[in-house]
Protein backbone atom coordinates (compact mmCIF):
# COMPACT_ATOMS: atom_id res chain seq x y z
CA MET A 1 -23.92 -13.98 -20.29
CA VAL A 2 -23.27 -16.04 -17.32
CA SER A 3 -25.94 -15.70 -14.56
CA ILE A 4 -27.01 -17.48 -11.32
CA SER A 5 -30.53 -18.48 -10.85
CA ILE A 6 -32.54 -21.09 -8.84
CA GLU A 7 -32.88 -22.98 -12.09
CA ASN A 8 -29.20 -24.04 -11.51
CA PRO A 9 -29.17 -25.18 -7.88
CA LEU A 10 -26.01 -27.20 -8.04
CA ALA A 11 -24.01 -24.23 -9.41
CA PHE A 12 -25.63 -21.95 -6.84
CA GLY A 13 -24.60 -24.38 -4.07
CA ALA A 14 -21.06 -24.76 -5.31
CA GLY A 15 -20.73 -20.95 -5.61
CA LEU A 16 -22.25 -20.31 -2.12
CA LEU A 17 -19.82 -22.88 -0.60
CA GLY A 18 -17.04 -21.24 -2.51
CA ASN A 19 -18.06 -17.79 -1.03
CA ILE A 20 -17.87 -19.19 2.57
CA LEU A 21 -14.59 -20.92 2.01
CA SER A 22 -12.95 -18.00 0.19
CA PHE A 23 -14.14 -15.76 2.96
CA LEU A 24 -12.56 -17.88 5.68
CA VAL A 25 -9.34 -17.87 3.61
CA ALA A 26 -9.47 -14.04 3.33
CA LEU A 27 -9.77 -13.79 7.19
CA THR A 28 -6.55 -15.77 7.83
CA PRO A 29 -4.29 -12.70 7.77
CA MET A 30 -6.14 -11.12 10.77
CA THR A 31 -3.58 -12.98 13.09
CA THR A 32 -0.79 -11.52 11.22
CA PHE A 33 -2.20 -8.03 11.53
CA TYR A 34 -2.94 -8.45 15.12
CA LYS A 35 0.75 -9.21 15.73
CA VAL A 36 1.52 -5.95 13.73
CA TYR A 37 -0.92 -4.03 15.93
CA ARG A 38 0.62 -5.34 19.19
CA LYS A 39 4.23 -4.78 18.04
CA LYS A 40 3.32 -1.41 16.44
CA SER A 41 5.64 -2.56 13.54
CA THR A 42 5.29 -4.55 10.25
CA GLY A 43 8.55 -6.33 11.17
CA SER A 44 9.46 -8.72 8.37
CA PHE A 45 6.12 -9.00 6.82
CA GLN A 46 5.74 -8.09 3.26
CA SER A 47 2.86 -6.05 1.69
CA THR A 48 3.08 -7.74 -1.78
CA PRO A 49 0.53 -10.52 -1.19
CA TYR A 50 -2.09 -8.20 0.06
CA VAL A 51 -1.65 -5.65 -2.73
CA VAL A 52 -1.68 -8.40 -5.40
CA ALA A 53 -4.76 -9.97 -3.77
CA LEU A 54 -6.59 -6.56 -3.88
CA SER A 55 -5.70 -6.20 -7.56
CA SER A 56 -6.83 -9.71 -8.27
CA ALA A 57 -10.14 -9.21 -6.47
CA MET A 58 -10.74 -5.86 -8.27
CA LEU A 59 -10.33 -7.58 -11.62
CA TRP A 60 -12.68 -10.49 -10.74
CA LEU A 61 -15.16 -7.83 -9.45
CA TYR A 62 -15.03 -6.25 -12.90
CA TYR A 63 -15.49 -9.56 -14.58
CA ALA A 64 -18.49 -10.30 -12.36
CA PHE A 65 -20.06 -6.95 -13.39
CA LEU A 66 -19.50 -7.75 -17.07
CA ASN A 67 -21.09 -11.11 -16.72
CA HIS A 68 -23.80 -10.34 -14.13
CA ASN A 69 -22.38 -13.07 -11.83
CA VAL A 70 -23.85 -12.49 -8.37
CA LEU A 71 -21.77 -14.85 -6.43
CA LEU A 72 -18.41 -13.73 -7.82
CA LEU A 73 -19.66 -10.19 -7.14
CA THR A 74 -20.29 -10.88 -3.37
CA ILE A 75 -17.03 -12.71 -2.55
CA ASN A 76 -14.82 -10.31 -4.39
CA THR A 77 -16.50 -7.30 -2.84
CA CYS A 78 -15.82 -8.73 0.58
CA THR A 79 -12.21 -9.55 -0.41
CA CYS A 80 -11.61 -5.95 -1.68
CA ALA A 81 -12.84 -4.59 1.60
CA LEU A 82 -10.77 -6.91 3.73
CA GLU A 83 -7.61 -6.42 1.80
CA SER A 84 -8.00 -2.71 1.84
CA VAL A 85 -8.23 -2.92 5.59
CA TYR A 86 -5.13 -4.94 5.80
CA ILE A 87 -3.25 -2.57 3.56
CA ALA A 88 -4.32 0.47 5.54
CA ILE A 89 -3.06 -1.13 8.77
CA TYR A 90 0.20 -2.09 7.04
CA LEU A 91 0.85 1.43 5.79
CA PHE A 92 0.01 2.89 9.31
CA TYR A 93 2.61 0.85 11.10
CA ALA A 94 5.25 0.53 8.27
CA SER A 95 8.47 2.43 8.19
CA LYS A 96 8.71 5.47 5.84
CA LYS A 97 10.74 3.55 3.28
CA ILE A 98 8.50 0.50 3.18
CA ARG A 99 5.36 2.68 3.15
CA LEU A 100 6.70 4.51 0.03
CA SER A 101 7.43 1.27 -1.70
CA THR A 102 3.95 -0.15 -0.85
CA VAL A 103 2.22 3.06 -2.18
CA LYS A 104 4.29 2.70 -5.40
CA MET A 105 3.07 -0.94 -5.65
CA ILE A 106 -0.56 -0.03 -5.08
CA PHE A 107 -0.31 2.59 -7.84
CA PHE A 108 1.22 0.10 -10.27
CA PHE A 109 -1.29 -2.75 -9.71
CA ASN A 110 -4.48 -1.19 -8.44
CA VAL A 111 -4.29 2.06 -10.48
CA GLY A 112 -2.02 1.50 -13.48
CA LEU A 113 -2.84 -2.15 -14.32
CA PHE A 114 -6.59 -2.07 -13.39
CA GLY A 115 -7.04 1.31 -14.96
CA SER A 116 -5.42 0.08 -18.22
CA VAL A 117 -7.70 -3.00 -18.31
CA LEU A 118 -10.71 -0.78 -17.88
CA LEU A 119 -9.51 1.77 -20.46
CA ILE A 120 -8.75 -0.88 -23.16
CA THR A 121 -11.73 -3.15 -22.65
CA LEU A 122 -14.32 -0.36 -22.33
CA GLY A 123 -12.81 1.81 -25.01
CA PHE A 124 -11.68 -0.47 -27.76
CA LEU A 125 -13.50 -3.88 -27.36
CA ASN A 126 -17.11 -4.93 -27.90
CA GLU A 127 -19.12 -6.66 -25.21
CA ARG A 128 -18.15 -10.24 -26.08
CA LYS A 129 -14.45 -9.52 -26.42
CA ARG A 130 -14.44 -7.44 -23.35
CA SER A 131 -15.59 -10.31 -21.20
CA GLU A 132 -13.28 -12.75 -22.84
CA ILE A 133 -10.12 -10.55 -22.46
CA THR A 134 -10.96 -9.74 -18.90
CA GLY A 135 -11.52 -13.48 -18.09
CA TRP A 136 -8.00 -14.37 -19.42
CA ILE A 137 -6.48 -11.56 -17.33
CA CYS A 138 -8.32 -12.86 -14.27
CA ALA A 139 -7.30 -16.40 -14.91
CA SER A 140 -3.74 -15.47 -15.33
CA PHE A 141 -3.76 -13.67 -11.89
CA ALA A 142 -5.49 -16.71 -10.29
CA VAL A 143 -2.74 -19.01 -11.76
CA ALA A 144 -0.07 -16.59 -10.21
CA VAL A 145 -1.80 -16.72 -6.84
CA PHE A 146 -1.88 -20.56 -6.94
CA VAL A 147 1.75 -20.76 -7.97
CA ALA A 148 2.84 -18.59 -5.09
CA PRO A 149 2.76 -21.44 -2.47
CA LEU A 150 5.55 -23.16 -4.40
CA SER A 151 8.13 -21.16 -2.39
CA ILE A 152 6.44 -22.34 0.94
CA MET A 153 6.44 -25.90 -0.28
CA ARG A 154 10.18 -25.69 -1.06
CA LEU A 155 10.76 -24.22 2.30
CA VAL A 156 8.97 -27.11 3.91
CA ILE A 157 11.01 -29.68 1.93
CA ARG A 158 14.32 -27.82 2.66
CA THR A 159 13.73 -27.42 6.36
CA LYS A 160 11.51 -30.48 6.93
CA SER A 161 9.19 -28.43 8.97
CA VAL A 162 5.65 -27.30 8.48
CA GLU A 163 5.92 -24.41 10.81
CA TYR A 164 5.23 -21.99 7.94
CA MET A 165 2.42 -24.00 6.26
CA PRO A 166 -0.53 -24.17 8.54
CA PHE A 167 -2.75 -27.19 7.78
CA SER A 168 -6.00 -25.27 8.12
CA LEU A 169 -5.05 -22.70 5.49
CA SER A 170 -3.88 -25.44 3.07
CA LEU A 171 -7.15 -27.34 3.69
CA PHE A 172 -9.47 -24.24 3.20
CA LEU A 173 -7.53 -23.23 0.08
CA THR A 174 -7.96 -26.82 -1.42
CA LEU A 175 -11.66 -26.99 -0.54
CA SER A 176 -12.17 -23.45 -1.97
CA ALA A 177 -10.45 -24.37 -5.18
CA ILE A 178 -12.69 -27.57 -5.42
CA ALA A 179 -15.88 -25.50 -4.94
CA TRP A 180 -14.95 -22.89 -7.44
CA PHE A 181 -13.94 -25.46 -9.99
CA PHE A 182 -17.31 -27.14 -9.91
CA TYR A 183 -18.93 -23.81 -9.97
CA GLY A 184 -17.18 -22.74 -13.18
CA LEU A 185 -17.73 -26.14 -14.65
CA LEU A 186 -21.44 -26.26 -14.07
CA LEU A 187 -21.86 -22.84 -15.55
CA ARG A 188 -19.38 -23.54 -18.39
CA ASP A 189 -17.26 -20.67 -17.31
CA PHE A 190 -13.83 -22.03 -17.92
CA PHE A 191 -12.06 -18.78 -16.87
CA VAL A 192 -13.29 -19.66 -13.37
CA ALA A 193 -12.87 -23.49 -13.65
CA LEU A 194 -9.51 -23.96 -15.22
CA PRO A 195 -7.25 -21.98 -12.81
CA ASN A 196 -8.83 -23.81 -9.84
CA VAL A 197 -7.48 -27.20 -11.30
CA LEU A 198 -3.97 -25.84 -10.50
CA GLY A 199 -5.32 -24.77 -7.08
CA ILE A 200 -6.50 -28.17 -6.38
CA LEU A 201 -3.33 -29.89 -7.36
CA PHE A 202 -1.14 -27.58 -5.35
CA GLY A 203 -3.58 -27.75 -2.30
CA VAL A 204 -3.47 -31.56 -2.28
CA ALA A 205 0.41 -31.43 -2.61
CA GLN A 206 0.49 -29.04 0.41
CA ILE A 207 -1.58 -31.44 2.49
CA ILE A 208 0.52 -34.42 1.52
CA LEU A 209 3.70 -32.52 2.58
CA TYR A 210 2.10 -31.62 5.81
CA PHE A 211 1.43 -35.25 6.75
CA ILE A 212 4.97 -36.23 5.58
CA TYR A 213 6.78 -33.62 7.78
CA MET A 214 4.36 -33.16 10.70
CA ASP A 215 6.09 -35.86 12.77
CA VAL A 216 9.40 -34.28 12.04
CA LYS A 217 8.10 -31.06 13.74
CA ASN A 218 7.01 -33.07 16.77
CA ASP A 219 10.34 -34.74 17.07
CA ARG A 220 12.15 -31.45 16.97
CA LEU A 221 9.75 -30.02 19.61
CA GLU A 222 10.53 -33.04 21.96
CA GLN A 223 14.25 -32.68 21.26
CA ASN A 224 14.12 -28.89 22.22
CA THR A 225 12.09 -29.74 25.28
CA ASN A 226 14.72 -32.28 26.28
CA GLN A 227 17.44 -29.73 25.77
CA ASP A 228 15.66 -27.14 27.89
CA ILE A 229 15.29 -29.65 30.70
CA GLU A 230 19.02 -30.48 30.48
CA VAL A 231 20.08 -26.88 30.58
CA GLU A 232 17.71 -26.25 33.55
CA ASN A 233 19.42 -29.24 35.35
CA ILE A 234 22.86 -27.94 34.65
CA THR A 235 21.81 -24.42 36.00
CA ASN A 236 20.44 -25.96 39.17
CA SER A 237 23.63 -27.99 39.65
CA ASN A 238 25.74 -24.96 39.31
CA LEU A 239 23.54 -23.16 41.83
CA ASP A 240 23.95 -25.97 44.36
CA LEU A 241 27.81 -25.93 43.76
CA GLU A 242 27.94 -22.22 44.27
CA MET A 243 26.05 -22.44 47.49
CA ALA A 244 28.23 -25.31 48.77
CA GLU A 245 31.38 -23.33 48.00
CA LYS A 246 29.97 -20.53 50.23
CA HIS A 247 29.38 -23.04 52.97
CA ILE A 248 25.63 -22.45 52.96
CA PRO A 249 23.54 -25.60 53.33
CA ILE A 250 20.75 -25.63 50.81
CA ASP A 251 18.22 -26.59 53.42
CA GLN A 252 19.16 -23.55 55.63
CA SER A 253 18.96 -21.13 52.78
CA VAL A 254 15.47 -22.46 51.78
CA ALA A 255 14.37 -22.28 55.46
CA ILE A 256 15.62 -18.73 55.74
CA GLU A 257 13.98 -17.83 52.50
CA HIS A 258 10.52 -19.10 53.53
CA ALA A 259 10.96 -17.39 56.88
CA ILE A 260 11.07 -13.92 55.35
CA PRO A 261 7.71 -12.35 54.53
CA ALA A 262 7.21 -11.51 50.86
CA ASP A 263 6.62 -7.78 51.58
CA VAL A 264 9.97 -7.70 53.51
CA LYS A 265 11.76 -9.37 50.56
CA ALA A 266 10.30 -6.75 48.13
CA ASP A 267 11.24 -3.77 50.23
CA PHE A 268 14.80 -5.14 50.83
CA ALA A 269 15.20 -5.71 46.90
CA ALA A 270 14.22 -2.09 46.42
CA VAL A 271 16.90 -0.80 48.87
CA PHE A 272 19.66 -3.22 48.02
CA PRO A 273 18.97 -4.36 44.37
CA GLU A 274 22.56 -5.85 44.13
CA LYS A 275 21.70 -8.44 46.81
CA GLY A 276 19.24 -10.00 44.51
CA ILE A 277 16.60 -10.80 47.09
CA HIS A 278 13.04 -11.34 45.86
CA THR A 279 10.21 -13.78 46.37
CA ASN A 280 11.62 -16.53 44.02
CA ILE A 281 15.54 -16.52 44.43
CA PRO A 282 17.29 -17.78 47.51
CA ILE A 283 19.16 -15.06 49.66
CA ALA A 284 22.86 -15.07 50.01
CA ASN A 285 23.25 -15.49 53.75
CA ALA A 286 21.71 -14.74 57.11
CA ASP A 287 23.42 -11.34 57.59
CA ASP A 288 21.28 -9.99 54.75
CA VAL A 289 18.11 -11.01 56.72
CA ILE A 290 19.30 -9.16 59.87
CA LEU A 291 20.23 -6.13 57.86
CA ALA A 292 16.94 -6.13 56.10
CA ILE A 293 15.00 -6.36 59.33
CA LEU A 294 16.96 -3.60 61.03
CA ILE A 295 16.62 -1.17 58.05
CA LEU A 296 12.89 -1.98 57.38
């Protein structure tokens, strides 16, 4: 059986680093669920990644119990707890239809699939085969998780934008895969090591894509900023033209505006909202000032 002890300090160090990095990765959805909490709605966010992540963590937790692997046990316990919290928040704010589909998914992955693995391995397999079959299932899930970013990478190539592929997440995923690869290699646990080879390759590919398209993102941001400035200049020109057509000198309107106290402007706006007087928009003409003073 695989175990961790002080006699293998390199493996222990790699596993400890893997725990830290994987925990940081597991914390990344917190920003997403903070947005869900503020909007009181799940919006376009999908529950599938969190349900699958919970199912994967449960399988690895079972594998860790079978092999008495302490470091796999700790990280997957934390992951199960975090993913359960994420799913609970999602169910609370999701619509009735989405909530029902998420519950069905939970029963399929976390009850049906996980329960079947427990039933088959504990009821029909010996101890050695039980660990081996569970390891293959866990490795398959890990490969599926690592293949998932392919859709994001395709989106980056198609849109030439890294908006939906944060560099920090790609970096932590890559470093985590490297740590777990060496952990499995040093312990000769190839069910842990081999899937992370794919994780390293995809992680490096994401980082390369980020550096290729990061400048494109900055150029688009600068272009959008210039467009906003151009629109603002056109708006100001139209405002000046409108005031000129009404024979109102700009300097006079600004002088009148600054001559009115802020509280008078606020009260006048409450009485005559159609006049549009407030602390930041120039008034229409001097008659409005006289009317405001007489009324207030």
